[in-house]
Amino acid sequence: MHYDQETGSVFEALGSSEAGLGSEEAEKRLLEFGNNELEEEEKVSVMKLFLMQFKSILILILIAAALVSAVLGELVDAVVIMFTVFLAGVLGFFQEYRAEKAIELLKSLTAPEALVIRDGHDQKIPSRNLVPGDLILLQAGDRIPADARLVEAFNL
């Protein structure tokens, strides 16, 4: 949105300046926009995550095929199909479970503090309190605490 605009027009659009936001304005924006955090989704239980693997239309067709095979007396075919369905469910479950754990790990790696300019002075604040218009100062090795537009860079 602001990546291709001049720095002055970005400051104007965000109601900010090279002196950063004022503390009062930052508090108002924090109330308006909320915390700088990924929204937590409701945790799904392990059992529900496993059962969700069997909701796919393809899995349901395979289960129906296994039932038809069993009714027709083809028990070997029915067992093979059900084993395949179960294996697909187990593999899907482990994939989703690992993906959820990876997301949790990424959340724990987010920068806990950010160095910003507020009221014309450098201040360390919790990164969850960053708001649109904050001027973030980054140094070598810092984690980037939020989406941002570069205003000035040295040795980037």
C-alpha atoms as a PDB file:
ATOM      1  CA  MET A   1       0.000   0.000   0.000  1.00  0.00           C
ATOM      2  CA  HIS A   2       2.667   2.536   1.000  1.00  0.00           C
ATOM      3  CA  TYR A   3       5.679   0.826  -0.565  1.00  0.00           C
ATOM      4  CA  ASP A   4       5.733   3.009  -3.679  1.00  0.00           C
ATOM      5  CA  GLN A   5       4.962   6.375  -2.068  1.00  0.00           C
ATOM      6  CA  GLU A   6       7.346   9.071  -0.983  1.00  0.00           C
ATOM      7  CA  THR A   7       8.271   9.005   2.710  1.00  0.00           C
ATOM      8  CA  GLY A   8       6.537  12.328   3.396  1.00  0.00           C
ATOM      9  CA  SER A   9       3.241  11.148   1.946  1.00  0.00           C
ATOM     10  CA  VAL A  10       3.470   7.917   3.969  1.00  0.00           C
ATOM     11  CA  PHE A  11       3.984   9.924   7.158  1.00  0.00           C
ATOM     12  CA  GLU A  12       1.028  12.119   6.198  1.00  0.00           C
ATOM     13  CA  ALA A  13      -1.239   9.155   5.395  1.00  0.00           C
ATOM     14  CA  LEU A  14      -0.386   7.454   8.707  1.00  0.00           C
ATOM     15  CA  GLY A  15      -0.528  10.640  10.773  1.00  0.00           C
ATOM     16  CA  SER A  16       3.080  10.215  11.850  1.00  0.00           C
ATOM     17  CA  SER A  17       6.397  12.018  11.444  1.00  0.00           C
ATOM     18  CA  GLU A  18      10.136  11.494  11.773  1.00  0.00           C
ATOM     19  CA  ALA A  19       9.672  12.133  15.501  1.00  0.00           C
ATOM     20  CA  GLY A  20       7.369   9.112  15.691  1.00  0.00           C
ATOM     21  CA  LEU A  21       3.965   9.008  17.277  1.00  0.00           C
ATOM     22  CA  GLY A  22       3.042  10.679  20.518  1.00  0.00           C
ATOM     23  CA  SER A  23       2.269   8.398  23.457  1.00  0.00           C
ATOM     24  CA  GLU A  24      -1.378   9.478  23.581  1.00  0.00           C
ATOM     25  CA  GLU A  25      -1.842   8.867  19.870  1.00  0.00           C
ATOM     26  CA  ALA A  26      -0.187   5.452  20.156  1.00  0.00           C
ATOM     27  CA  GLU A  27      -2.576   4.524  22.988  1.00  0.00           C
ATOM     28  CA  LYS A  28      -5.586   5.599  20.908  1.00  0.00           C
ATOM     29  CA  ARG A  29      -4.376   3.559  17.939  1.00  0.00           C
ATOM     30  CA  LEU A  30      -3.729   0.545  20.147  1.00  0.00           C
ATOM     31  CA  LEU A  31      -7.362   0.699  21.275  1.00  0.00           C
ATOM     32  CA  GLU A  32      -8.561   1.219  17.696  1.00  0.00           C
ATOM     33  CA  PHE A  33      -6.440  -1.400  15.899  1.00  0.00           C
ATOM     34  CA  GLY A  34      -5.709  -3.833  18.717  1.00  0.00           C
ATOM     35  CA  ASN A  35      -2.476  -5.611  19.547  1.00  0.00           C
ATOM     36  CA  ASN A  36       0.166  -6.465  16.961  1.00  0.00           C
ATOM     37  CA  GLU A  37      -0.421 -10.213  17.299  1.00  0.00           C
ATOM     38  CA  LEU A  38      -1.590 -13.094  15.185  1.00  0.00           C
ATOM     39  CA  GLU A  39      -5.121 -13.990  16.140  1.00  0.00           C
ATOM     40  CA  GLU A  40      -5.340 -17.199  18.126  1.00  0.00           C
ATOM     41  CA  GLU A  41      -7.746 -19.712  16.720  1.00  0.00           C
ATOM     42  CA  GLU A  42      -9.570 -22.016  19.063  1.00  0.00           C
ATOM     43  CA  LYS A  43      -7.448 -25.091  19.665  1.00  0.00           C
ATOM     44  CA  VAL A  44      -8.792 -28.266  18.136  1.00  0.00           C
ATOM     45  CA  SER A  45      -8.527 -31.385  20.282  1.00  0.00           C
ATOM     46  CA  VAL A  46      -6.285 -34.184  19.065  1.00  0.00           C
ATOM     47  CA  MET A  47      -9.267 -36.512  18.654  1.00  0.00           C
ATOM     48  CA  LYS A  48     -11.236 -33.955  16.638  1.00  0.00           C
ATOM     49  CA  LEU A  49      -8.172 -33.292  14.472  1.00  0.00           C
ATOM     50  CA  PHE A  50      -7.942 -37.030  13.765  1.00  0.00           C
ATOM     51  CA  LEU A  51     -11.657 -37.378  12.982  1.00  0.00           C
ATOM     52  CA  MET A  52     -11.518 -34.364  10.648  1.00  0.00           C
ATOM     53  CA  GLN A  53      -9.269 -36.424   8.373  1.00  0.00           C
ATOM     54  CA  PHE A  54     -12.270 -38.552   7.406  1.00  0.00           C
ATOM     55  CA  LYS A  55     -14.488 -35.686   6.196  1.00  0.00           C
ATOM     56  CA  SER A  56     -13.101 -35.614   2.659  1.00  0.00           C
ATOM     57  CA  ILE A  57     -15.523 -36.678  -0.071  1.00  0.00           C
ATOM     58  CA  LEU A  58     -12.904 -39.078  -1.463  1.00  0.00           C
ATOM     59  CA  ILE A  59     -12.515 -40.762   1.945  1.00  0.00           C
ATOM     60  CA  LEU A  60     -16.297 -41.038   2.289  1.00  0.00           C
ATOM     61  CA  ILE A  61     -16.505 -42.671  -1.165  1.00  0.00           C
ATOM     62  CA  LEU A  62     -13.806 -45.165  -0.150  1.00  0.00           C
ATOM     63  CA  ILE A  63     -15.669 -45.999   3.065  1.00  0.00           C
ATOM     64  CA  ALA A  64     -18.857 -46.540   1.038  1.00  0.00           C
ATOM     65  CA  ALA A  65     -16.903 -48.771  -1.369  1.00  0.00           C
ATOM     66  CA  ALA A  66     -15.610 -50.795   1.585  1.00  0.00           C
ATOM     67  CA  LEU A  67     -19.150 -51.232   2.913  1.00  0.00           C
ATOM     68  CA  VAL A  68     -20.429 -52.331  -0.501  1.00  0.00           C
ATOM     69  CA  SER A  69     -17.530 -54.786  -0.793  1.00  0.00           C
ATOM     70  CA  ALA A  70     -18.316 -56.201   2.650  1.00  0.00           C
ATOM     71  CA  VAL A  71     -22.022 -56.590   1.797  1.00  0.00           C
ATOM     72  CA  LEU A  72     -21.102 -58.400  -1.430  1.00  0.00           C
ATOM     73  CA  GLY A  73     -18.899 -60.789   0.525  1.00  0.00           C
ATOM     74  CA  GLU A  74     -15.568 -59.374  -0.673  1.00  0.00           C
ATOM     75  CA  LEU A  75     -14.119 -59.124   2.826  1.00  0.00           C
ATOM     76  CA  VAL A  76     -10.484 -58.958   1.702  1.00  0.00           C
ATOM     77  CA  ASP A  77     -11.250 -55.979  -0.551  1.00  0.00           C
ATOM     78  CA  ALA A  78     -13.230 -54.290   2.248  1.00  0.00           C
ATOM     79  CA  VAL A  79     -10.369 -54.745   4.736  1.00  0.00           C
ATOM     80  CA  VAL A  80      -7.779 -53.431   2.265  1.00  0.00           C
ATOM     81  CA  ILE A  81      -9.892 -50.367   1.476  1.00  0.00           C
ATOM     82  CA  MET A  82     -10.535 -49.643   5.179  1.00  0.00           C
ATOM     83  CA  PHE A  83      -6.837 -50.077   5.974  1.00  0.00           C
ATOM     84  CA  THR A  84      -6.006 -47.599   3.192  1.00  0.00           C
ATOM     85  CA  VAL A  85      -8.584 -45.131   4.545  1.00  0.00           C
ATOM     86  CA  PHE A  86      -7.201 -45.495   8.075  1.00  0.00           C
ATOM     87  CA  LEU A  87      -3.612 -45.047   6.863  1.00  0.00           C
ATOM     88  CA  ALA A  88      -4.584 -41.922   4.907  1.00  0.00           C
ATOM     89  CA  GLY A  89      -6.280 -40.547   8.027  1.00  0.00           C
ATOM     90  CA  VAL A  90      -3.260 -41.232  10.225  1.00  0.00           C
ATOM     91  CA  LEU A  91      -0.856 -39.633   7.742  1.00  0.00           C
ATOM     92  CA  GLY A  92      -3.117 -36.590   7.311  1.00  0.00           C
ATOM     93  CA  PHE A  93      -3.422 -36.262  11.088  1.00  0.00           C
ATOM     94  CA  PHE A  94       0.350 -36.279  11.631  1.00  0.00           C
ATOM     95  CA  GLN A  95       0.840 -33.727   8.857  1.00  0.00           C
ATOM     96  CA  GLU A  96      -1.713 -31.329  10.329  1.00  0.00           C
ATOM     97  CA  TYR A  97      -0.450 -31.874  13.867  1.00  0.00           C
ATOM     98  CA  ARG A  98       3.121 -31.053  12.832  1.00  0.00           C
ATOM     99  CA  ALA A  99       1.902 -27.969  10.939  1.00  0.00           C
ATOM    100  CA  GLU A 100       0.115 -26.704  14.065  1.00  0.00           C
ATOM    101  CA  LYS A 101       3.244 -27.234  16.148  1.00  0.00           C
ATOM    102  CA  ALA A 102       5.306 -25.350  13.531  1.00  0.00           C
ATOM    103  CA  ILE A 103       2.886 -22.413  13.704  1.00  0.00           C
ATOM    104  CA  GLU A 104       3.136 -22.374  17.498  1.00  0.00           C
ATOM    105  CA  LEU A 105       6.933 -22.326  17.202  1.00  0.00           C
ATOM    106  CA  LEU A 106       6.795 -19.416  14.757  1.00  0.00           C
ATOM    107  CA  LYS A 107       4.603 -17.477  17.164  1.00  0.00           C
ATOM    108  CA  SER A 108       7.125 -18.029  19.945  1.00  0.00           C
ATOM    109  CA  LEU A 109       9.915 -16.683  17.717  1.00  0.00           C
ATOM    110  CA  THR A 110       8.308 -13.290  17.171  1.00  0.00           C
ATOM    111  CA  ALA A 111      10.217 -10.347  18.542  1.00  0.00           C
ATOM    112  CA  PRO A 112       9.215  -9.724  22.169  1.00  0.00           C
ATOM    113  CA  GLU A 113      10.370  -6.088  22.160  1.00  0.00           C
ATOM    114  CA  ALA A 114      10.692  -3.399  19.530  1.00  0.00           C
ATOM    115  CA  LEU A 115      12.732  -0.209  19.506  1.00  0.00           C
ATOM    116  CA  VAL A 116      10.535   2.674  18.317  1.00  0.00           C
ATOM    117  CA  ILE A 117      10.611   6.430  18.239  1.00  0.00           C
ATOM    118  CA  ARG A 118       7.807   7.842  20.366  1.00  0.00           C
ATOM    119  CA  ASP A 119       7.523  11.438  21.508  1.00  0.00           C
ATOM    120  CA  GLY A 120      10.810  12.063  19.664  1.00  0.00           C
ATOM    121  CA  HIS A 121      12.789   9.576  21.800  1.00  0.00           C
ATOM    122  CA  ASP A 122      13.938   5.985  21.317  1.00  0.00           C
ATOM    123  CA  GLN A 123      11.888   3.618  23.470  1.00  0.00           C
ATOM    124  CA  LYS A 124      11.728  -0.145  23.885  1.00  0.00           C
ATOM    125  CA  ILE A 125       8.157  -1.383  23.937  1.00  0.00           C
ATOM    126  CA  PRO A 126       6.578  -4.837  23.720  1.00  0.00           C
ATOM    127  CA  SER A 127       6.178  -5.634  20.015  1.00  0.00           C
ATOM    128  CA  ARG A 128       2.522  -6.430  20.644  1.00  0.00           C
ATOM    129  CA  ASN A 129       2.008  -2.690  21.350  1.00  0.00           C
ATOM    130  CA  LEU A 130       3.159  -1.534  17.907  1.00  0.00           C
ATOM    131  CA  VAL A 131       0.548   0.428  15.973  1.00  0.00           C
ATOM    132  CA  PRO A 132       0.266   1.795  12.426  1.00  0.00           C
ATOM    133  CA  GLY A 133       2.444   4.897  12.194  1.00  0.00           C
ATOM    134  CA  ASP A 134       5.103   3.750  14.674  1.00  0.00           C
ATOM    135  CA  LEU A 135       8.671   4.360  13.557  1.00  0.00           C
ATOM    136  CA  ILE A 136      10.613   1.139  14.202  1.00  0.00           C
ATOM    137  CA  LEU A 137      14.382   1.198  14.568  1.00  0.00           C
ATOM    138  CA  LEU A 138      16.115  -1.993  13.426  1.00  0.00           C
ATOM    139  CA  GLN A 139      19.697  -3.007  14.055  1.00  0.00           C
ATOM    140  CA  ALA A 140      21.768  -5.905  12.764  1.00  0.00           C
ATOM    141  CA  GLY A 141      20.401  -9.185  14.120  1.00  0.00           C
ATOM    142  CA  ASP A 142      17.009  -7.775  15.160  1.00  0.00           C
ATOM    143  CA  ARG A 143      13.859  -9.660  14.342  1.00  0.00           C
ATOM    144  CA  ILE A 144      11.395  -7.551  12.420  1.00  0.00           C
ATOM    145  CA  PRO A 145       8.436  -7.119  14.794  1.00  0.00           C
ATOM    146  CA  ALA A 146       5.749  -6.078  12.280  1.00  0.00           C
ATOM    147  CA  ASP A 147       4.983  -5.230   8.670  1.00  0.00           C
ATOM    148  CA  ALA A 148       6.838  -2.051   7.925  1.00  0.00           C
ATOM    149  CA  ARG A 149       8.001   0.284   5.204  1.00  0.00           C
ATOM    150  CA  LEU A 150      11.674   1.181   5.111  1.00  0.00           C
ATOM    151  CA  VAL A 151      12.206   4.907   5.499  1.00  0.00           C
ATOM    152  CA  GLU A 152      15.987   4.841   5.713  1.00  0.00           C
ATOM    153  CA  ALA A 153      18.539   2.030   5.444  1.00  0.00           C
ATOM    154  CA  PHE A 154      22.305   1.731   5.821  1.00  0.00           C
ATOM    155  CA  ASN A 155      24.307  -1.311   4.628  1.00  0.00           C
ATOM    156  CA  LEU A 156      21.125  -3.221   3.893  1.00  0.00           C
END
